[in-house]
Amino acid sequence: MSEEKNKKFAWSLWLPVILAFVLVILGWITLIRIANENKIEMIPVPSNQDAGNNALSNP
C-alpha cells in the first residue's frame, strides 16, 4: 500500500473509536444532568431512642 492509502486506512480505524468515546462522554454528561435535576430526597431515619416498639431494639 502507498503511504497515502495507509493514512486513510489508519484514519478510518480511528474514526469509530473517537466517535465511540464522544458518545460515551455525551451519555455521561446526560446522566449527570438528569441526576443533578432529580436529587435524592432525604428521609429521616429514627434512631434507637426514637424507635419505641421497634422489633430490633427489643430482643
Protein backbone atom coordinates (compact mmCIF):
# COMPACT_ATOMS: atom_id res chain seq x y z
CA MET A 1 0.00 0.00 0.00
CA SER A 2 1.09 3.53 -0.62
CA GLU A 3 1.67 5.95 2.23
CA GLU A 4 -1.49 7.92 1.38
CA LYS A 5 -3.61 4.76 1.49
CA ASN A 6 -2.05 3.82 4.85
CA LYS A 7 -3.02 7.22 6.28
CA LYS A 8 -6.61 6.87 5.03
CA PHE A 9 -6.79 3.34 6.41
CA ALA A 10 -5.44 4.44 9.80
CA TRP A 11 -7.92 7.34 9.94
CA SER A 12 -10.78 5.02 9.04
CA LEU A 13 -9.83 2.84 12.01
CA TRP A 14 -9.58 5.75 14.46
CA LEU A 15 -12.81 7.41 13.41
CA PRO A 16 -15.16 4.83 15.05
CA VAL A 17 -13.04 4.83 18.21
CA ILE A 18 -13.22 8.61 18.50
CA LEU A 19 -16.96 8.60 17.81
CA ALA A 20 -17.49 5.92 20.45
CA PHE A 21 -15.64 7.98 23.08
CA VAL A 22 -17.65 11.07 22.15
CA LEU A 23 -20.88 9.09 22.55
CA VAL A 24 -19.79 7.75 25.93
CA ILE A 25 -18.86 11.23 27.15
CA LEU A 26 -22.19 12.65 25.95
CA GLY A 27 -24.01 9.80 27.70
CA TRP A 28 -22.24 10.53 30.99
CA ILE A 29 -22.98 14.24 30.70
CA THR A 30 -26.65 13.45 30.10
CA LEU A 31 -26.84 11.08 33.07
CA ILE A 32 -25.12 13.57 35.38
CA ARG A 33 -27.50 16.35 34.31
CA ILE A 34 -30.55 14.13 34.91
CA ALA A 35 -29.21 13.07 38.32
CA ASN A 36 -28.46 16.68 39.21
CA GLU A 37 -32.03 17.75 38.39
CA ASN A 38 -33.58 14.83 40.33
CA LYS A 39 -31.72 14.83 43.61
CA ILE A 40 -32.40 12.21 46.27
CA GLU A 41 -34.96 13.21 48.86
CA MET A 42 -33.66 12.85 52.39
CA ILE A 43 -35.86 10.67 54.60
CA PRO A 44 -35.32 10.92 58.35
CA VAL A 45 -34.42 7.58 59.91
CA PRO A 46 -35.36 7.17 63.58
CA SER A 47 -32.55 6.36 65.98
CA ASN A 48 -32.79 3.62 68.63
CA GLN A 49 -34.03 6.15 71.20
CA ASP A 50 -36.84 7.26 68.88
CA ALA A 51 -37.77 3.75 67.79
CA GLY A 52 -40.15 2.93 70.64
CA ASN A 53 -41.55 -0.54 69.91
CA ASN A 54 -39.04 -1.37 67.22
CA ALA A 55 -38.51 -5.13 66.94
CA LEU A 56 -34.77 -4.68 66.56
CA SER A 57 -34.41 -2.70 69.79
CA ASN A 58 -36.31 -5.30 71.90
CA PRO A 59 -34.53 -8.67 71.82
